[in-house]
C-alpha atoms as a PDB file:
ATOM      1  CA  MET A   1     152.796 182.746  49.436  1.00  0.00           C
ATOM      2  CA  THR A   2     152.843 183.470  53.179  1.00  0.00           C
ATOM      3  CA  GLN A   3     150.435 182.064  55.739  1.00  0.00           C
ATOM      4  CA  ASP A   4     149.005 185.552  56.420  1.00  0.00           C
ATOM      5  CA  THR A   5     148.160 185.942  52.738  1.00  0.00           C
ATOM      6  CA  LEU A   6     146.370 182.566  52.673  1.00  0.00           C
ATOM      7  CA  VAL A   7     144.353 183.440  55.774  1.00  0.00           C
ATOM      8  CA  ARG A   8     143.429 186.856  54.351  1.00  0.00           C
ATOM      9  CA  ARG A   9     142.282 185.410  51.017  1.00  0.00           C
ATOM     10  CA  SER A  10     140.310 182.596  52.677  1.00  0.00           C
ATOM     11  CA  ALA A  11     138.400 185.261  54.621  1.00  0.00           C
ATOM     12  CA  GLU A  12     137.391 187.103  51.451  1.00  0.00           C
ATOM     13  CA  PRO A  13     133.818 186.676  50.161  1.00  0.00           C
ATOM     14  CA  PRO A  14     133.364 184.180  47.305  1.00  0.00           C
ATOM     15  CA  THR A  15     132.566 186.960  44.788  1.00  0.00           C
ATOM     16  CA  THR A  16     135.852 188.707  45.576  1.00  0.00           C
ATOM     17  CA  GLN A  17     137.763 185.476  45.129  1.00  0.00           C
ATOM     18  CA  ARG A  18     136.075 184.885  41.759  1.00  0.00           C
ATOM     19  CA  ARG A  19     136.997 188.388  40.594  1.00  0.00           C
ATOM     20  CA  ARG A  20     140.607 187.823  41.729  1.00  0.00           C
ATOM     21  CA  PHE A  21     141.185 184.392  40.179  1.00  0.00           C
ATOM     22  CA  GLY A  22     139.050 184.636  37.010  1.00  0.00           C
ATOM     23  CA  VAL A  23     135.717 185.283  35.373  1.00  0.00           C
ATOM     24  CA  SER A  24     132.731 183.873  37.193  1.00  0.00           C
ATOM     25  CA  GLY A  25     130.488 181.238  35.683  1.00  0.00           C
ATOM     26  CA  GLN A  26     127.685 183.775  35.315  1.00  0.00           C
ATOM     27  CA  ALA A  27     129.943 186.145  33.365  1.00  0.00           C
ATOM     28  CA  ARG A  28     131.075 183.308  31.078  1.00  0.00           C
ATOM     29  CA  LEU A  29     127.460 182.356  30.452  1.00  0.00           C
ATOM     30  CA  GLU A  30     126.545 185.953  29.605  1.00  0.00           C
ATOM     31  CA  ARG A  31     129.504 186.202  27.237  1.00  0.00           C
ATOM     32  CA  ARG A  32     128.482 183.015  25.432  1.00  0.00           C
ATOM     33  CA  TRP A  33     124.888 184.200  25.066  1.00  0.00           C
ATOM     34  CA  GLY A  34     126.105 187.574  23.834  1.00  0.00           C
ATOM     35  CA  LEU A  35     128.254 185.960  21.147  1.00  0.00           C
ATOM     36  CA  LEU A  36     125.426 183.596  20.217  1.00  0.00           C
ATOM     37  CA  LEU A  37     122.907 186.413  19.795  1.00  0.00           C
ATOM     38  CA  ALA A  38     125.382 188.556  17.871  1.00  0.00           C
ATOM     39  CA  ALA A  39     126.388 185.669  15.597  1.00  0.00           C
ATOM     40  CA  PRO A  40     123.615 186.180  12.969  1.00  0.00           C
ATOM     41  CA  ALA A  41     124.608 189.830  12.491  1.00  0.00           C
ATOM     42  CA  ILE A  42     128.319 188.968  12.363  1.00  0.00           C
ATOM     43  CA  ILE A  43     127.751 186.122   9.903  1.00  0.00           C
ATOM     44  CA  GLY A  44     125.473 188.308   7.778  1.00  0.00           C
ATOM     45  CA  PHE A  45     128.082 191.069   7.647  1.00  0.00           C
ATOM     46  CA  VAL A  46     130.838 188.641   6.666  1.00  0.00           C
ATOM     47  CA  VAL A  47     128.795 186.742   4.057  1.00  0.00           C
ATOM     48  CA  PHE A  48     126.823 189.593   2.495  1.00  0.00           C
ATOM     49  CA  THR A  49     129.209 192.549   2.904  1.00  0.00           C
ATOM     50  CA  LEU A  50     132.812 191.591   3.632  1.00  0.00           C
ATOM     51  CA  VAL A  51     133.090 188.667   1.208  1.00  0.00           C
ATOM     52  CA  PRO A  52     131.409 190.525  -1.707  1.00  0.00           C
ATOM     53  CA  MET A  53     133.692 193.518  -1.096  1.00  0.00           C
ATOM     54  CA  ALA A  54     136.760 191.289  -1.191  1.00  0.00           C
ATOM     55  CA  ALA A  55     135.465 189.576  -4.344  1.00  0.00           C
ATOM     56  CA  SER A  56     134.811 192.903  -6.079  1.00  0.00           C
ATOM     57  CA  ALA A  57     138.309 194.097  -5.147  1.00  0.00           C
ATOM     58  CA  ILE A  58     139.750 191.030  -6.880  1.00  0.00           C
ATOM     59  CA  LEU A  59     137.414 191.382  -9.874  1.00  0.00           C
ATOM     60  CA  SER A  60     138.413 195.033 -10.277  1.00  0.00           C
ATOM     61  CA  LEU A  61     141.853 193.788 -11.303  1.00  0.00           C
ATOM     62  CA  THR A  62     140.438 191.582 -14.069  1.00  0.00           C
ATOM     63  CA  ASP A  63     138.856 191.914 -17.476  1.00  0.00           C
ATOM     64  CA  TRP A  64     135.668 189.931 -17.024  1.00  0.00           C
ATOM     65  CA  THR A  65     132.443 189.984 -18.961  1.00  0.00           C
ATOM     66  CA  ILE A  66     129.543 187.717 -18.030  1.00  0.00           C
ATOM     67  CA  GLY A  67     129.851 184.427 -19.865  1.00  0.00           C
ATOM     68  CA  SER A  68     133.631 184.463 -20.186  1.00  0.00           C
ATOM     69  CA  ALA A  69     136.519 183.633 -17.891  1.00  0.00           C
ATOM     70  CA  PRO A  70     138.140 186.567 -16.053  1.00  0.00           C
ATOM     71  CA  SER A  71     141.666 187.544 -17.064  1.00  0.00           C
ATOM     72  CA  PHE A  72     144.037 189.446 -14.810  1.00  0.00           C
ATOM     73  CA  VAL A  73     144.847 192.991 -16.067  1.00  0.00           C
ATOM     74  CA  GLY A  74     146.227 194.655 -12.928  1.00  0.00           C
ATOM     75  CA  ILE A  75     145.371 198.334 -12.572  1.00  0.00           C
ATOM     76  CA  GLU A  76     144.334 198.706 -16.198  1.00  0.00           C
ATOM     77  CA  ASN A  77     140.690 199.249 -15.256  1.00  0.00           C
ATOM     78  CA  TYR A  78     141.662 202.123 -12.971  1.00  0.00           C
ATOM     79  CA  THR A  79     143.887 203.819 -15.530  1.00  0.00           C
ATOM     80  CA  LYS A  80     141.109 203.459 -18.104  1.00  0.00           C
ATOM     81  CA  MET A  81     138.787 205.597 -15.959  1.00  0.00           C
ATOM     82  CA  PHE A  82     140.949 208.701 -16.285  1.00  0.00           C
ATOM     83  CA  THR A  83     142.504 208.150 -19.718  1.00  0.00           C
ATOM     84  CA  ASN A  84     139.939 206.434 -21.933  1.00  0.00           C
ATOM     85  CA  ASP A  85     136.472 206.809 -20.424  1.00  0.00           C
ATOM     86  CA  PRO A  86     134.785 210.190 -20.858  1.00  0.00           C
ATOM     87  CA  LEU A  87     131.558 208.884 -19.306  1.00  0.00           C
ATOM     88  CA  PHE A  88     133.390 208.241 -16.016  1.00  0.00           C
ATOM     89  CA  LEU A  89     134.335 211.906 -15.655  1.00  0.00           C
ATOM     90  CA  LYS A  90     130.925 212.956 -16.998  1.00  0.00           C
ATOM     91  CA  SER A  91     129.032 210.860 -14.440  1.00  0.00           C
ATOM     92  CA  LEU A  92     131.332 212.029 -11.653  1.00  0.00           C
ATOM     93  CA  GLY A  93     130.739 215.654 -12.624  1.00  0.00           C
ATOM     94  CA  VAL A  94     126.960 215.177 -12.805  1.00  0.00           C
ATOM     95  CA  THR A  95     126.905 213.514  -9.381  1.00  0.00           C
ATOM     96  CA  THR A  96     129.088 216.237  -7.862  1.00  0.00           C
ATOM     97  CA  TYR A  97     126.842 218.934  -9.364  1.00  0.00           C
ATOM     98  CA  TYR A  98     123.786 217.219  -7.914  1.00  0.00           C
ATOM     99  CA  THR A  99     125.456 216.855  -4.504  1.00  0.00           C
ATOM    100  CA  LEU A 100     126.507 220.511  -4.333  1.00  0.00           C
ATOM    101  CA  GLY A 101     122.935 221.568  -5.083  1.00  0.00           C
ATOM    102  CA  ALA A 102     120.803 218.974  -3.321  1.00  0.00           C
ATOM    103  CA  VAL A 103     122.644 218.699   0.002  1.00  0.00           C
ATOM    104  CA  PRO A 104     122.615 222.398   1.021  1.00  0.00           C
ATOM    105  CA  LEU A 105     119.052 222.906  -0.234  1.00  0.00           C
ATOM    106  CA  THR A 106     117.697 219.858   1.575  1.00  0.00           C
ATOM    107  CA  LEU A 107     119.508 220.721   4.806  1.00  0.00           C
ATOM    108  CA  ILE A 108     118.242 224.304   4.768  1.00  0.00           C
ATOM    109  CA  VAL A 109     114.634 223.284   4.046  1.00  0.00           C
ATOM    110  CA  ALA A 110     114.686 220.481   6.635  1.00  0.00           C
ATOM    111  CA  PHE A 111     116.194 222.748   9.296  1.00  0.00           C
ATOM    112  CA  ALA A 112     113.708 225.545   8.592  1.00  0.00           C
ATOM    113  CA  ILE A 113     110.728 223.189   8.799  1.00  0.00           C
ATOM    114  CA  ALA A 114     112.125 221.645  11.993  1.00  0.00           C
ATOM    115  CA  MET A 115     112.371 225.123  13.517  1.00  0.00           C
ATOM    116  CA  LEU A 116     108.711 225.733  12.658  1.00  0.00           C
ATOM    117  CA  LEU A 117     107.621 222.356  14.012  1.00  0.00           C
ATOM    118  CA  ASN A 118     109.498 223.005  17.246  1.00  0.00           C
ATOM    119  CA  ALA A 119     107.084 225.806  18.105  1.00  0.00           C
ATOM    120  CA  LYS A 120     104.179 225.171  20.439  1.00  0.00           C
ATOM    121  CA  VAL A 121     101.079 225.607  18.296  1.00  0.00           C
ATOM    122  CA  ARG A 122      97.731 223.879  18.086  1.00  0.00           C
ATOM    123  CA  GLY A 123      97.657 220.800  15.852  1.00  0.00           C
ATOM    124  CA  LEU A 124     101.427 220.356  15.963  1.00  0.00           C
ATOM    125  CA  GLY A 125     101.173 216.567  15.634  1.00  0.00           C
ATOM    126  CA  VAL A 126      99.169 216.911  12.421  1.00  0.00           C
ATOM    127  CA  TYR A 127     101.739 219.276  10.900  1.00  0.00           C
ATOM    128  CA  ARG A 128     104.602 216.952  11.787  1.00  0.00           C
ATOM    129  CA  THR A 129     102.766 214.007  10.209  1.00  0.00           C
ATOM    130  CA  VAL A 130     102.011 215.927   7.015  1.00  0.00           C
ATOM    131  CA  TYR A 131     105.622 217.015   6.533  1.00  0.00           C
ATOM    132  CA  TYR A 132     106.946 213.515   7.210  1.00  0.00           C
ATOM    133  CA  LEU A 133     104.478 211.646   4.967  1.00  0.00           C
ATOM    134  CA  PRO A 134     106.409 212.159   1.671  1.00  0.00           C
ATOM    135  CA  THR A 135     109.286 210.161   3.142  1.00  0.00           C
ATOM    136  CA  LEU A 136     107.012 207.120   3.353  1.00  0.00           C
ATOM    137  CA  VAL A 137     106.244 207.164  -0.380  1.00  0.00           C
ATOM    138  CA  PRO A 138     108.204 204.364  -2.158  1.00  0.00           C
ATOM    139  CA  SER A 139     111.006 205.683  -4.332  1.00  0.00           C
ATOM    140  CA  VAL A 140     109.543 204.247  -7.540  1.00  0.00           C
ATOM    141  CA  ALA A 141     106.121 205.785  -6.887  1.00  0.00           C
ATOM    142  CA  ASN A 142     107.870 209.023  -5.967  1.00  0.00           C
ATOM    143  CA  ALA A 143     109.700 209.086  -9.311  1.00  0.00           C
ATOM    144  CA  VAL A 144     106.520 208.373 -11.277  1.00  0.00           C
ATOM    145  CA  LEU A 145     104.696 211.139  -9.411  1.00  0.00           C
ATOM    146  CA  TRP A 146     107.424 213.664 -10.186  1.00  0.00           C
ATOM    147  CA  LEU A 147     107.458 212.604 -13.860  1.00  0.00           C
ATOM    148  CA  TRP A 148     103.873 213.835 -14.018  1.00  0.00           C
ATOM    149  CA  ILE A 149     104.746 217.019 -12.120  1.00  0.00           C
ATOM    150  CA  PHE A 150     107.614 217.720 -14.570  1.00  0.00           C
ATOM    151  CA  ASN A 151     105.646 216.875 -17.719  1.00  0.00           C
ATOM    152  CA  PRO A 152     106.084 219.836 -20.120  1.00  0.00           C
ATOM    153  CA  ASP A 153     102.556 219.554 -21.589  1.00  0.00           C
ATOM    154  CA  PHE A 154     100.187 218.775 -18.725  1.00  0.00           C
ATOM    155  CA  GLY A 155     102.408 218.630 -15.648  1.00  0.00           C
ATOM    156  CA  LEU A 156     101.542 220.443 -12.439  1.00  0.00           C
ATOM    157  CA  LEU A 157     104.505 222.825 -12.546  1.00  0.00           C
ATOM    158  CA  ASN A 158     104.032 224.069 -16.116  1.00  0.00           C
ATOM    159  CA  SER A 159     100.260 224.279 -15.672  1.00  0.00           C
ATOM    160  CA  THR A 160     100.779 226.502 -12.628  1.00  0.00           C
ATOM    161  CA  LEU A 161     103.360 228.634 -14.450  1.00  0.00           C
ATOM    162  CA  ARG A 162     100.969 229.148 -17.377  1.00  0.00           C
ATOM    163  CA  GLN A 163      98.220 230.245 -14.999  1.00  0.00           C
ATOM    164  CA  LEU A 164     100.594 232.823 -13.527  1.00  0.00           C
ATOM    165  CA  GLY A 165     101.773 233.996 -16.929  1.00  0.00           C
ATOM    166  CA  LEU A 166     105.346 232.850 -16.295  1.00  0.00           C
ATOM    167  CA  PRO A 167     107.661 231.025 -18.741  1.00  0.00           C
ATOM    168  CA  THR A 168     107.572 227.237 -18.637  1.00  0.00           C
ATOM    169  CA  SER A 169     110.387 224.693 -18.770  1.00  0.00           C
ATOM    170  CA  ASN A 170     111.037 221.214 -20.134  1.00  0.00           C
ATOM    171  CA  TRP A 171     112.381 220.222 -16.711  1.00  0.00           C
ATOM    172  CA  VAL A 172     113.865 216.704 -16.755  1.00  0.00           C
ATOM    173  CA  PHE A 173     113.438 216.534 -20.541  1.00  0.00           C
ATOM    174  CA  SER A 174     115.938 219.365 -21.043  1.00  0.00           C
ATOM    175  CA  GLU A 175     119.696 218.890 -20.931  1.00  0.00           C
ATOM    176  CA  GLU A 176     120.211 222.194 -19.103  1.00  0.00           C
ATOM    177  CA  ALA A 177     117.358 221.780 -16.612  1.00  0.00           C
ATOM    178  CA  VAL A 178     117.441 218.067 -15.781  1.00  0.00           C
ATOM    179  CA  VAL A 179     119.871 218.200 -12.835  1.00  0.00           C
ATOM    180  CA  PRO A 180     118.361 221.389 -11.319  1.00  0.00           C
ATOM    181  CA  SER A 181     114.949 219.712 -11.633  1.00  0.00           C
ATOM    182  CA  LEU A 182     116.181 216.641  -9.768  1.00  0.00           C
ATOM    183  CA  ILE A 183     117.750 218.911  -7.134  1.00  0.00           C
ATOM    184  CA  LEU A 184     114.335 220.533  -6.677  1.00  0.00           C
ATOM    185  CA  MET A 185     112.804 217.079  -6.420  1.00  0.00           C
ATOM    186  CA  SER A 186     115.301 216.088  -3.708  1.00  0.00           C
ATOM    187  CA  THR A 187     113.691 218.489  -1.220  1.00  0.00           C
ATOM    188  CA  TRP A 188     110.550 216.339  -1.322  1.00  0.00           C
ATOM    189  CA  GLY A 189     112.131 213.685   0.881  1.00  0.00           C
ATOM    190  CA  PHE A 190     113.511 215.808   3.718  1.00  0.00           C
ATOM    191  CA  GLY A 191     111.379 214.084   6.367  1.00  0.00           C
ATOM    192  CA  ASN A 192     114.094 211.912   7.946  1.00  0.00           C
ATOM    193  CA  ILE A 193     116.545 214.813   8.152  1.00  0.00           C
ATOM    194  CA  MET A 194     113.805 217.024   9.565  1.00  0.00           C
ATOM    195  CA  VAL A 195     113.041 214.545  12.349  1.00  0.00           C
ATOM    196  CA  ILE A 196     116.726 214.406  13.338  1.00  0.00           C
ATOM    197  CA  PHE A 197     116.918 218.208  13.369  1.00  0.00           C
ATOM    198  CA  LEU A 198     113.735 218.354  15.441  1.00  0.00           C
ATOM    199  CA  ALA A 199     115.151 215.937  17.999  1.00  0.00           C
ATOM    200  CA  GLY A 200     118.288 218.074  18.226  1.00  0.00           C
ATOM    201  CA  LEU A 201     116.291 221.278  18.682  1.00  0.00           C
ATOM    202  CA  GLN A 202     114.309 219.746  21.515  1.00  0.00           C
ATOM    203  CA  GLY A 203     117.565 218.857  23.249  1.00  0.00           C
ATOM    204  CA  VAL A 204     118.861 222.441  23.371  1.00  0.00           C
ATOM    205  CA  PRO A 205     118.807 223.583  27.042  1.00  0.00           C
ATOM    206  CA  ARG A 206     116.166 226.247  27.669  1.00  0.00           C
ATOM    207  CA  HIS A 207     118.342 228.097  30.187  1.00  0.00           C
ATOM    208  CA  LEU A 208     120.681 229.159  27.366  1.00  0.00           C
ATOM    209  CA  TYR A 209     117.853 230.976  25.621  1.00  0.00           C
ATOM    210  CA  GLU A 210     116.874 232.561  28.915  1.00  0.00           C
ATOM    211  CA  ALA A 211     120.445 233.777  29.460  1.00  0.00           C
ATOM    212  CA  VAL A 212     120.486 235.461  26.042  1.00  0.00           C
ATOM    213  CA  ALA A 213     117.073 237.014  26.697  1.00  0.00           C
ATOM    214  CA  ILE A 214     118.266 238.417  30.038  1.00  0.00           C
ATOM    215  CA  ASP A 215     121.202 240.033  28.221  1.00  0.00           C
ATOM    216  CA  GLY A 216     118.754 241.725  25.858  1.00  0.00           C
ATOM    217  CA  GLY A 217     119.162 239.385  22.907  1.00  0.00           C
ATOM    218  CA  GLY A 218     116.240 238.804  20.573  1.00  0.00           C
ATOM    219  CA  SER A 219     115.269 235.867  18.377  1.00  0.00           C
ATOM    220  CA  TRP A 220     118.139 236.376  15.935  1.00  0.00           C
ATOM    221  CA  ARG A 221     120.786 236.419  18.683  1.00  0.00           C
ATOM    222  CA  GLN A 222     119.241 233.328  20.277  1.00  0.00           C
ATOM    223  CA  PHE A 223     119.427 231.541  16.940  1.00  0.00           C
ATOM    224  CA  ARG A 224     122.966 232.701  16.182  1.00  0.00           C
ATOM    225  CA  HIS A 225     124.550 232.201  19.590  1.00  0.00           C
ATOM    226  CA  VAL A 226     122.532 229.267  20.979  1.00  0.00           C
ATOM    227  CA  THR A 227     120.562 227.301  18.395  1.00  0.00           C
ATOM    228  CA  LEU A 228     123.145 227.199  15.626  1.00  0.00           C
ATOM    229  CA  PRO A 229     126.175 226.259  17.795  1.00  0.00           C
ATOM    230  CA  MET A 230     124.216 223.639  19.734  1.00  0.00           C
ATOM    231  CA  MET A 231     122.901 222.119  16.501  1.00  0.00           C
ATOM    232  CA  THR A 232     126.278 221.783  14.776  1.00  0.00           C
ATOM    233  CA  PRO A 233     126.739 218.104  15.822  1.00  0.00           C
ATOM    234  CA  VAL A 234     123.336 217.259  14.334  1.00  0.00           C
ATOM    235  CA  LEU A 235     124.111 219.354  11.263  1.00  0.00           C
ATOM    236  CA  PHE A 236     127.422 217.534  10.867  1.00  0.00           C
ATOM    237  CA  TYR A 237     125.732 214.134  11.047  1.00  0.00           C
ATOM    238  CA  ASN A 238     123.085 215.105   8.485  1.00  0.00           C
ATOM    239  CA  LEU A 239     125.750 216.617   6.236  1.00  0.00           C
ATOM    240  CA  VAL A 240     127.848 213.447   6.158  1.00  0.00           C
ATOM    241  CA  THR A 241     124.909 211.088   5.605  1.00  0.00           C
ATOM    242  CA  SER A 242     123.380 213.372   2.959  1.00  0.00           C
ATOM    243  CA  ILE A 243     126.604 213.560   0.950  1.00  0.00           C
ATOM    244  CA  ILE A 244     126.982 209.783   1.074  1.00  0.00           C
ATOM    245  CA  GLY A 245     123.358 209.414  -0.030  1.00  0.00           C
ATOM    246  CA  THR A 246     123.612 211.816  -2.971  1.00  0.00           C
ATOM    247  CA  PHE A 247     126.702 210.058  -4.300  1.00  0.00           C
ATOM    248  CA  GLN A 248     124.590 206.898  -4.409  1.00  0.00           C
ATOM    249  CA  VAL A 249     121.582 208.393  -6.228  1.00  0.00           C
ATOM    250  CA  PHE A 250     120.186 205.944  -8.766  1.00  0.00           C
ATOM    251  CA  ASN A 251     116.387 205.689  -8.964  1.00  0.00           C
ATOM    252  CA  GLN A 252     115.858 209.116 -10.490  1.00  0.00           C
ATOM    253  CA  ALA A 253     118.133 208.373 -13.430  1.00  0.00           C
ATOM    254  CA  TYR A 254     116.945 204.791 -13.875  1.00  0.00           C
ATOM    255  CA  ILE A 255     113.200 205.501 -13.768  1.00  0.00           C
ATOM    256  CA  MET A 256     112.855 209.094 -14.946  1.00  0.00           C
ATOM    257  CA  THR A 257     115.611 209.945 -17.423  1.00  0.00           C
ATOM    258  CA  GLN A 258     117.659 206.804 -18.235  1.00  0.00           C
ATOM    259  CA  GLY A 259     120.690 209.058 -17.951  1.00  0.00           C
ATOM    260  CA  GLY A 260     119.484 211.511 -20.596  1.00  0.00           C
ATOM    261  CA  PRO A 261     119.147 213.750 -22.327  1.00  0.00           C
ATOM    262  CA  ASN A 262     122.647 213.453 -23.811  1.00  0.00           C
ATOM    263  CA  ASN A 263     123.969 211.830 -20.602  1.00  0.00           C
ATOM    264  CA  ALA A 264     123.155 215.006 -18.665  1.00  0.00           C
ATOM    265  CA  SER A 265     121.705 212.931 -15.804  1.00  0.00           C
ATOM    266  CA  THR A 266     124.069 209.959 -15.936  1.00  0.00           C
ATOM    267  CA  PHE A 267     124.786 209.701 -12.251  1.00  0.00           C
ATOM    268  CA  TYR A 268     127.778 207.684 -11.112  1.00  0.00           C
ATOM    269  CA  VAL A 269     125.849 204.707  -9.702  1.00  0.00           C
ATOM    270  CA  TYR A 270     123.598 204.611 -12.774  1.00  0.00           C
ATOM    271  CA  TYR A 271     126.694 204.481 -14.975  1.00  0.00           C
ATOM    272  CA  LEU A 272     128.109 201.731 -12.769  1.00  0.00           C
ATOM    273  CA  TYR A 273     124.832 199.805 -13.136  1.00  0.00           C
ATOM    274  CA  THR A 274     124.758 200.073 -16.944  1.00  0.00           C
ATOM    275  CA  THR A 275     128.418 199.066 -17.136  1.00  0.00           C
ATOM    276  CA  ALA A 276     127.763 195.934 -15.073  1.00  0.00           C
ATOM    277  CA  PHE A 277     124.324 194.808 -16.221  1.00  0.00           C
ATOM    278  CA  THR A 278     123.928 196.335 -19.697  1.00  0.00           C
ATOM    279  CA  LYS A 279     127.459 196.037 -21.052  1.00  0.00           C
ATOM    280  CA  SER A 280     128.246 193.047 -18.770  1.00  0.00           C
ATOM    281  CA  GLU A 281     131.694 194.487 -17.969  1.00  0.00           C
ATOM    282  CA  MET A 282     131.817 193.196 -14.415  1.00  0.00           C
ATOM    283  CA  GLY A 283     135.542 193.754 -13.901  1.00  0.00           C
ATOM    284  CA  TYR A 284     135.393 197.399 -14.908  1.00  0.00           C
ATOM    285  CA  ALA A 285     132.175 197.902 -12.914  1.00  0.00           C
ATOM    286  CA  SER A 286     133.933 196.548  -9.816  1.00  0.00           C
ATOM    287  CA  ALA A 287     136.722 199.061 -10.356  1.00  0.00           C
ATOM    288  CA  LEU A 288     134.113 201.833 -10.630  1.00  0.00           C
ATOM    289  CA  ALA A 289     132.555 200.682  -7.355  1.00  0.00           C
ATOM    290  CA  TRP A 290     135.900 200.803  -5.547  1.00  0.00           C
ATOM    291  CA  ALA A 291     136.667 204.228  -6.992  1.00  0.00           C
ATOM    292  CA  LEU A 292     133.369 205.455  -5.554  1.00  0.00           C
ATOM    293  CA  PHE A 293     134.152 203.855  -2.195  1.00  0.00           C
ATOM    294  CA  VAL A 294     137.538 205.583  -2.026  1.00  0.00           C
ATOM    295  CA  LEU A 295     136.052 208.932  -3.096  1.00  0.00           C
ATOM    296  CA  VAL A 296     133.303 208.832  -0.469  1.00  0.00           C
ATOM    297  CA  MET A 297     135.795 207.727   2.178  1.00  0.00           C
ATOM    298  CA  VAL A 298     138.132 210.633   1.348  1.00  0.00           C
ATOM    299  CA  ILE A 299     135.257 213.133   1.524  1.00  0.00           C
ATOM    300  CA  THR A 300     134.063 211.665   4.835  1.00  0.00           C
ATOM    301  CA  VAL A 301     137.549 211.769   6.366  1.00  0.00           C
ATOM    302  CA  ALA A 302     137.964 215.380   5.201  1.00  0.00           C
ATOM    303  CA  LEU A 303     134.653 216.322   6.821  1.00  0.00           C
ATOM    304  CA  PHE A 304     135.625 214.662  10.099  1.00  0.00           C
ATOM    305  CA  ARG A 305     138.989 216.432  10.106  1.00  0.00           C
ATOM    306  CA  SER A 306     137.340 219.798   9.470  1.00  0.00           C
ATOM    307  CA  SER A 307     134.649 219.245  12.107  1.00  0.00           C
ATOM    308  CA  SER A 308     136.954 220.315  14.949  1.00  0.00           C
ATOM    309  CA  ARG A 309     136.883 223.870  13.560  1.00  0.00           C
ATOM    310  CA  TRP A 310     133.117 224.340  13.351  1.00  0.00           C
ATOM    311  CA  VAL A 311     131.314 221.608  15.296  1.00  0.00           C
ATOM    312  CA  TYR A 312     130.613 222.510  18.921  1.00  0.00           C
ATOM    313  CA  TYR A 313     130.184 219.802  21.540  1.00  0.00           C
ATOM    314  CA  GLU A 314     128.840 220.856  24.929  1.00  0.00           C
ATOM    315  CA  MET A 315     131.102 218.266  26.575  1.00  0.00           C
ATOM    316  CA  GLY A 316     133.989 218.986  24.239  1.00  0.00           C
ATOM    317  CA  ALA A 317     136.563 218.945  27.005  1.00  0.00           C
ATOM    318  CA  ALA A 318     135.607 215.404  27.909  1.00  0.00           C
ATOM    319  CA  ARG A 319     135.955 213.977  24.391  1.00  0.00           C
END
């Protein structure tokens, strides 16, 4: 090191010297506090998520019932799903049917209500509260309420249909109507999705609507060429989270139908639950859980790969 270099560095401010030769004491202190404050979340993730996932992956390779010692069987549990377990394919089909019906319907209803609540009308806060309130109802109370609504004898739906002179239905007590009934019920809890849509609508720049209006475009053109493209990121987010949520549906089957009639509402997670805690087949239940994880991951990856063709980002060039 030359003498000129030493003189030049000695003339530098202390902060510059600290940046050149290492992290300052203040930065080290902030790093330590950051790690300390993040430690509970990191420990919680490792203990309550990562370790149980690793344990279930190991158990999925065993034949283990509660009260006995696990025995290693390799991939036998996974081959059993497709070769010797009709309820696996049945529950997967029921869940897929429910997803294909509930997700589009809920998204359409939530988006339509968000469009209405984005208008400037008197009492808007009251309307927003009323539409969001069903989301606050506990899931168990929600299921009990809808059991009364679906009751074939004195339920609200059939009573209304009789008053109108229309044919009634057995709803969740019918093998053909149970999943469509639960799809109808799914629209009741659109409040969270609606709020996200509403936040996205309020973030659409007003000057885009004004540009379409200047070009002679009406409400439909504004919706088609401004609202819909600008809302595709929000729609994509709600689509992914909704699909993940519907593949995990459980309370409706557990409280309302117990998987019936004739296993017509045996959703995948409900079947996983009965396998683990009714039949006590913990090894096979762990394999079912990992099969669901892989399925949801594949669907999510496929959605992300397809998003480049239909999701519009205003700052797309900067991504």
